[in-house]
Protein backbone atom coordinates (compact mmCIF):
# COMPACT_ATOMS: atom_id res chain seq x y z
CA UNK A 1 16.11 -8.96 4.03
CA UNK A 2 16.95 -5.57 5.51
CA UNK A 3 20.19 -5.35 7.46
CA UNK A 4 22.56 -2.66 8.71
CA UNK A 5 26.18 -3.12 7.65
CA UNK A 6 29.54 -1.38 8.11
CA UNK A 7 32.63 -2.06 6.02
CA UNK A 8 35.02 0.44 7.61
CA UNK A 9 35.80 1.56 11.16
CA UNK A 10 34.61 4.97 12.19
CA UNK A 11 31.71 7.11 13.49
CA UNK A 12 28.06 6.04 13.36
CA UNK A 13 27.76 7.23 9.76
CA UNK A 14 29.76 4.20 8.56
CA UNK A 15 26.55 2.19 9.14
CA UNK A 16 24.31 1.76 6.10
CA UNK A 17 21.09 -0.13 5.49
CA UNK A 18 21.38 -2.79 2.78
CA UNK A 19 19.40 -5.64 1.29
CA UNK A 20 20.93 -9.08 1.83
CA UNK A 21 19.73 -12.59 0.96
CA UNK A 22 17.69 -14.20 3.72
CA UNK A 23 19.84 -16.98 5.18
CA UNK A 24 18.75 -20.61 4.99
CA UNK A 25 19.24 -22.80 8.09
CA UNK A 26 21.52 -25.79 7.63
CA UNK A 27 22.24 -28.81 9.81
CA UNK A 28 21.27 -27.92 13.41
CA UNK A 29 20.60 -24.23 12.70
CA UNK A 30 17.43 -22.27 13.30
CA UNK A 31 16.29 -19.21 11.39
CA UNK A 32 15.01 -16.44 13.66
CA UNK A 33 12.94 -13.53 12.46
CA UNK A 34 14.41 -10.78 14.61
CA UNK A 35 11.79 -8.57 16.24
CA UNK A 36 14.12 -6.56 18.47
CA UNK A 37 17.83 -6.09 19.05
CA UNK A 38 19.91 -3.46 20.85
CA UNK A 39 22.85 -1.11 20.53
CA UNK A 40 25.45 -1.72 23.23
CA UNK A 41 28.65 0.08 24.18
CA UNK A 42 30.56 -3.04 23.09
CA UNK A 43 29.13 -2.82 19.56
CA UNK A 44 29.94 0.87 19.34
CA UNK A 45 33.52 -0.05 20.21
CA UNK A 46 33.52 -2.70 17.49
CA UNK A 47 32.24 -0.13 15.02
CA UNK A 48 35.14 2.17 15.93
CA UNK A 49 37.64 -0.70 15.85
CA UNK A 50 38.31 -0.37 19.58
CA UNK A 51 40.07 -1.63 21.58
CA UNK A 52 42.90 -2.01 19.12
CA UNK A 53 43.75 -5.54 20.22
CA UNK A 54 40.19 -6.54 19.30
CA UNK A 55 41.02 -6.01 15.63
CA UNK A 56 42.89 -9.30 15.73
CA UNK A 57 39.43 -10.87 16.00
CA UNK A 58 37.20 -8.53 13.99
CA UNK A 59 39.66 -7.41 11.30
CA UNK A 60 42.95 -5.51 11.29
CA UNK A 61 42.26 -2.80 8.70
CA UNK A 62 38.52 -3.22 8.27
CA UNK A 63 35.84 -5.51 9.71
CA UNK A 64 35.95 -9.02 8.35
CA UNK A 65 33.18 -9.95 5.93
CA UNK A 66 31.42 -12.28 8.35
CA UNK A 67 30.94 -9.66 11.07
CA UNK A 68 29.96 -6.54 9.15
CA UNK A 69 26.39 -6.77 10.44
CA UNK A 70 26.48 -5.94 14.15
CA UNK A 71 23.96 -6.99 16.80
CA UNK A 72 24.84 -9.08 19.85
CA UNK A 73 21.49 -9.64 21.55
CA UNK A 74 18.10 -10.29 20.00
CA UNK A 75 14.59 -11.58 20.46
CA UNK A 76 12.42 -13.02 17.75
CA UNK A 77 10.47 -15.95 16.32
CA UNK A 78 11.77 -19.20 14.84
CA UNK A 79 10.58 -19.34 11.24
CA UNK A 80 12.55 -22.32 9.90
CA UNK A 81 14.84 -25.10 11.15
CA UNK A 82 17.65 -27.12 9.63
CA UNK A 83 17.33 -30.88 9.02
CA UNK A 84 19.30 -31.79 12.19
CA UNK A 85 17.64 -29.24 14.48
CA UNK A 86 15.27 -30.60 17.14
CA UNK A 87 15.46 -28.27 20.12
CA UNK A 88 13.14 -25.54 18.78
CA UNK A 89 9.96 -25.53 16.73
CA UNK A 90 8.68 -23.10 14.14
CA UNK A 91 6.74 -20.39 15.97
CA UNK A 92 8.82 -20.52 19.17
CA UNK A 93 9.54 -17.10 20.67
CA UNK A 94 13.25 -17.05 21.49
CA UNK A 95 15.94 -14.69 22.72
CA UNK A 96 19.68 -15.01 22.89
CA UNK A 97 23.22 -13.89 22.18
CA UNK A 98 25.01 -14.05 18.84
CA UNK A 99 28.56 -14.00 20.24
CA UNK A 100 31.46 -13.43 17.86
CA UNK A 101 29.11 -14.04 14.93
CA UNK A 102 27.10 -10.86 15.70
CA UNK A 103 24.52 -10.24 12.95
CA UNK A 104 21.30 -9.38 14.85
CA UNK A 105 20.94 -5.94 13.22
CA UNK A 106 18.91 -7.58 10.48
CA UNK A 107 15.45 -8.99 9.82
CA UNK A 108 16.70 -12.59 10.06
CA UNK A 109 19.53 -14.37 11.86
CA UNK A 110 20.65 -17.99 11.46
CA UNK A 111 22.45 -19.70 14.32
CA UNK A 112 22.98 -23.15 15.76
CA UNK A 113 20.35 -24.41 18.17
CA UNK A 114 23.28 -25.08 20.53
CA UNK A 115 24.10 -21.36 20.64
CA UNK A 116 23.25 -19.12 23.60
CA UNK A 117 19.54 -19.25 22.81
CA UNK A 118 16.39 -20.12 24.75
CA UNK A 119 12.63 -19.62 24.68
CA UNK A 120 11.09 -16.42 26.03
CA UNK A 121 8.69 -16.34 28.99
CA UNK A 122 5.11 -15.70 27.88
CA UNK A 123 4.84 -12.49 29.91
CA UNK A 124 7.82 -10.78 28.25
CA UNK A 125 7.80 -8.67 25.06
CA UNK A 126 10.42 -8.88 22.34
CA UNK A 127 12.01 -5.50 23.24
CA UNK A 128 12.17 -6.48 26.92
CA UNK A 129 13.79 -9.82 26.13
CA UNK A 130 16.36 -8.35 23.75
CA UNK A 131 17.33 -5.73 26.33
CA UNK A 132 18.19 -8.31 29.00
CA UNK A 133 20.56 -10.74 27.36
CA UNK A 134 24.06 -9.26 27.39
CA UNK A 135 23.69 -7.00 30.41
CA UNK A 136 22.24 -9.62 32.74
CA UNK A 137 24.40 -12.52 31.60
CA UNK A 138 27.56 -10.42 31.93
CA UNK A 139 26.54 -9.43 35.47
CA UNK A 140 25.86 -13.12 36.19
CA UNK A 141 29.25 -14.19 34.86
CA UNK A 142 31.15 -11.73 37.04
CA UNK A 143 29.10 -11.78 40.25
CA UNK A 144 27.84 -15.37 40.29
CA UNK A 145 30.61 -17.26 38.48
CA UNK A 146 33.80 -15.27 39.12
CA UNK A 147 33.08 -13.69 42.52
CA UNK A 148 30.86 -16.47 43.88
CA UNK A 149 28.89 -13.77 45.66
CA UNK A 150 27.46 -14.79 49.04
CA UNK A 151 24.68 -13.42 51.29
CA UNK A 152 25.86 -10.61 53.54
CA UNK A 153 28.85 -9.60 51.42
CA UNK A 154 29.39 -5.95 50.52
CA UNK A 155 29.35 -5.10 46.79
CA UNK A 156 30.08 -1.85 44.97
CA UNK A 157 28.81 -1.53 41.38
CA UNK A 158 30.59 1.18 39.36
CA UNK A 159 28.41 2.31 36.46
CA UNK A 160 25.27 1.19 38.26
CA UNK A 161 22.84 2.92 35.87
CA UNK A 162 24.12 1.25 32.68
CA UNK A 163 22.94 -1.93 31.03
CA UNK A 164 25.24 -4.24 32.99
CA UNK A 165 25.00 -2.09 36.10
CA UNK A 166 21.21 -2.06 36.42
CA UNK A 167 21.19 -5.87 36.30
CA UNK A 168 24.23 -6.15 38.58
CA UNK A 169 22.50 -4.14 41.33
CA UNK A 170 19.40 -6.34 41.12
CA UNK A 171 21.34 -9.61 40.91
CA UNK A 172 23.64 -8.76 43.81
CA UNK A 173 20.65 -7.84 45.95
CA UNK A 174 18.87 -11.10 45.04
CA UNK A 175 22.01 -13.03 45.96
CA UNK A 176 21.75 -11.48 49.43
CA UNK A 177 24.52 -8.89 49.20
CA UNK A 178 24.58 -5.36 50.58
CA UNK A 179 24.80 -3.26 47.42
CA UNK A 180 26.26 0.21 46.84
CA UNK A 181 26.25 1.90 43.45
CA UNK A 182 28.20 4.61 41.63
CA UNK A 183 26.44 6.73 39.00
CA UNK A 184 25.50 10.35 38.32
CA UNK A 185 23.09 12.18 40.60
CA UNK A 186 20.39 12.20 37.91
CA UNK A 187 20.25 8.39 38.03
CA UNK A 188 20.60 7.93 41.79
CA UNK A 189 16.87 7.46 42.37
CA UNK A 190 16.71 4.75 39.72
CA UNK A 191 19.68 2.85 41.15
CA UNK A 192 18.20 3.08 44.64
CA UNK A 193 14.87 1.75 43.38
CA UNK A 194 16.68 -1.26 41.88
CA UNK A 195 17.98 -2.25 45.30
CA UNK A 196 21.13 -0.26 46.08
CA UNK A 197 21.45 0.55 49.78
CA UNK A 198 23.72 3.54 49.09
CA UNK A 199 24.44 5.48 45.91
CA UNK A 200 27.54 7.60 45.25
CA UNK A 201 27.31 10.51 42.81
CA UNK A 202 30.62 10.23 40.99
CA UNK A 203 30.49 13.94 40.02
CA UNK A 204 30.52 14.99 43.68
CA UNK A 205 31.73 12.05 45.79
CA UNK A 206 34.81 9.86 45.88
CA UNK A 207 33.77 6.37 46.96
CA UNK A 208 37.38 5.56 47.88
CA UNK A 209 37.19 8.20 50.62
CA UNK A 210 33.88 7.02 52.06
CA UNK A 211 35.33 4.71 54.71
CA UNK A 212 33.39 1.76 53.26
CA UNK A 213 35.02 -1.61 52.58
CA UNK A 214 33.85 -4.12 50.02
CA UNK A 215 34.17 -7.81 49.28
CA UNK A 216 33.57 -7.07 45.59
CA UNK A 217 34.04 -3.99 43.43
CA UNK A 218 32.40 -4.57 40.05
CA UNK A 219 33.48 -1.95 37.50
CA UNK A 220 31.06 -2.26 34.59
CA UNK A 221 32.31 0.78 32.63
CA UNK A 222 36.09 0.96 33.04
CA UNK A 223 36.09 4.17 35.05
CA UNK A 224 38.23 2.82 37.85
CA UNK A 225 41.24 0.55 38.34
CA UNK A 226 42.55 -2.10 40.69
CA UNK A 227 45.09 0.34 42.08
CA UNK A 228 42.39 2.88 42.91
CA UNK A 229 39.96 0.31 44.33
CA UNK A 230 42.48 -1.77 46.25
CA UNK A 231 42.26 0.37 49.44
CA UNK A 232 38.46 -0.13 49.66
CA UNK A 233 38.64 -3.91 49.20
CA UNK A 234 38.53 -6.23 52.18
CA UNK A 235 41.62 -8.38 52.75
CA UNK A 236 40.37 -11.13 50.44
CA UNK A 237 38.15 -8.92 48.28
CA UNK A 238 38.12 -8.95 44.50
CA UNK A 239 38.04 -6.31 41.77
CA UNK A 240 35.96 -7.27 38.72
CA UNK A 241 36.56 -5.17 35.57
CA UNK A 242 34.61 -5.72 32.35
CA UNK A 243 37.07 -3.65 30.28
CA UNK A 244 40.85 -3.52 29.84
CA UNK A 245 40.98 -7.26 29.23
CA UNK A 246 44.69 -7.50 28.39
CA UNK A 247 45.99 -5.44 31.32
CA UNK A 248 43.51 -6.83 33.81
CA UNK A 249 44.17 -10.43 32.74
CA UNK A 250 47.83 -9.89 33.62
CA UNK A 251 46.78 -8.42 36.97
CA UNK A 252 44.45 -11.37 37.53
CA UNK A 253 47.31 -13.80 36.98
CA UNK A 254 49.62 -11.85 39.28
CA UNK A 255 47.15 -11.42 42.12
CA UNK A 256 46.21 -15.10 41.96
CA UNK A 257 49.82 -15.94 42.84
CA UNK A 258 50.35 -13.34 45.56
CA UNK A 259 47.04 -13.98 47.35
CA UNK A 260 44.98 -11.43 49.25
CA UNK A 261 43.06 -8.89 47.16
CA UNK A 262 42.51 -10.18 43.65
CA UNK A 263 41.53 -9.17 40.14
CA UNK A 264 39.15 -11.50 38.34
CA UNK A 265 38.13 -10.87 34.75
CA UNK A 266 37.22 -12.63 31.52
CA UNK A 267 34.74 -12.70 28.68
CA UNK A 268 31.20 -13.98 28.96
CA UNK A 269 30.53 -15.76 25.65
CA UNK A 270 28.75 -19.03 26.40
CA UNK A 271 25.66 -17.90 28.26
CA UNK A 272 23.51 -21.01 28.59
CA UNK A 273 23.37 -21.22 32.41
CA UNK A 274 22.94 -17.47 32.78
CA UNK A 275 20.12 -17.46 30.19
CA UNK A 276 18.32 -20.18 32.13
CA UNK A 277 18.51 -18.07 35.31
CA UNK A 278 17.45 -14.99 33.35
CA UNK A 279 14.43 -16.75 31.89
CA UNK A 280 13.27 -17.79 35.37
CA UNK A 281 13.68 -14.29 36.81
CA UNK A 282 11.82 -12.68 33.91
CA UNK A 283 9.06 -15.26 34.05
CA UNK A 284 8.57 -14.67 37.78
CA UNK A 285 8.57 -10.89 37.38
CA UNK A 286 11.64 -10.54 39.62
CA UNK A 287 13.76 -8.53 37.18
CA UNK A 288 13.24 -4.97 36.03
CA UNK A 289 14.23 -4.11 32.49
CA UNK A 290 15.34 -0.50 32.07
CA UNK A 291 14.90 0.76 28.51
CA UNK A 292 16.11 4.29 27.88
CA UNK A 293 15.31 4.79 24.20
CA UNK A 294 13.93 2.82 21.27
CA UNK A 295 14.69 3.34 17.59
CA UNK A 296 13.47 1.56 14.45
CA UNK A 297 16.13 -0.27 12.46
CA UNK A 298 16.18 2.52 9.87
CA UNK A 299 17.36 4.97 12.59
CA UNK A 300 20.13 2.83 14.04
CA UNK A 301 22.74 5.51 13.22
CA UNK A 302 20.99 7.85 15.65
CA UNK A 303 20.97 5.06 18.24
CA UNK A 304 24.74 4.66 17.89
CA UNK A 305 25.22 8.42 18.26
CA UNK A 306 23.21 8.35 21.47
CA UNK A 307 25.15 5.44 22.95
CA UNK A 308 28.43 7.13 21.95
CA UNK A 309 27.33 10.23 23.90
CA UNK A 310 27.77 8.34 27.17
CA UNK A 311 24.36 9.35 28.49
CA UNK A 312 22.63 6.00 28.05
CA UNK A 313 20.67 4.69 31.03
CA UNK A 314 20.01 0.97 30.98
CA UNK A 315 19.40 -0.21 27.43
CA UNK A 316 18.83 1.18 23.92
CA UNK A 317 16.51 -1.00 21.87
CA UNK A 318 16.23 -1.37 18.10
CA UNK A 319 12.83 -2.56 16.84
CA UNK A 320 12.99 -4.50 13.60
CA UNK A 321 9.31 -5.42 13.24
CA UNK A 322 6.77 -2.59 13.20
CA UNK A 323 4.53 -2.45 16.25
CA UNK A 324 7.13 -3.84 18.68
CA UNK A 325 8.25 -0.50 20.14
CA UNK A 326 8.44 -0.74 23.95
CA UNK A 327 7.01 1.53 26.60
CA UNK A 328 9.91 3.57 27.96
CA UNK A 329 10.70 4.42 31.54
CA UNK A 330 13.44 4.48 34.12
CA UNK A 331 12.64 7.28 36.50
CA UNK A 332 11.31 5.60 39.64
CA UNK A 333 10.34 2.42 41.42
CA UNK A 334 7.43 1.73 39.08
CA UNK A 335 9.35 2.39 35.91
CA UNK A 336 9.38 -0.92 34.14
CA UNK A 337 9.45 -1.93 30.49
């Protein structure tokens, strides 16, 4: 099977296409023919070996053998099952998250049927499904699980035009919150169309000087800090960062003891409940999927360069099976993929 591998940390050029044996499902595993996957900011960090503490997991000097094929989220078709597998059938259309095993940048991926995996709604394409998994489930973990967001609360989403951010705006609005977003002016219309009541252009406005107060500040891109956001948090508000895990985990522990404004953070790895909610929202047509660009697997190096540029809006999709390229669009209220 075709796969894209890296055996050293560095720029996008460390990625190379290789031929690997097609895996065989064992025990409770299923074999998925991957139709679409994505390139995320997290994977680009893994490719660079960043953050440094993450090398304790992925390899100190070079990526460990088992994780040299990247790819966190995917959508595809079950083509074989192991002898103990019973949850899925051959031919099922599925989408899910590979977790620390990565490996979706390939034509086939084997994983346990107990992994973060579920069937796709009939009305959703493979590129759409692949582009929802990590962004939505991360937003769910922080807003639904950690913040326990309630109707009427005020939420600020920093990085509102990114993969996590576009889902966070929609999810917060559906949970009944009043949503403000921070992004560049060129993406303000998009973020407003997703449900934000107010949008700050970070190149021209300082949201900390706006006079607004929030129950939740969700920083999806690591462009802020608890110290900077503390003045705009309500007395019992919380700051939710997706980056800076070590530092922010210490802050989370400290603020839990002192009370008042808090930091809450963590990693979203087991995504079963969030995937169930995602499947319902997609099936009902209540979730917009923003796809910025699409590349075939053979051009994944260019996809990594684009994500590294910092200009990504929503999601960057990699199509593995010919004919699965999505329609692109993110400019206005009707833009939907």
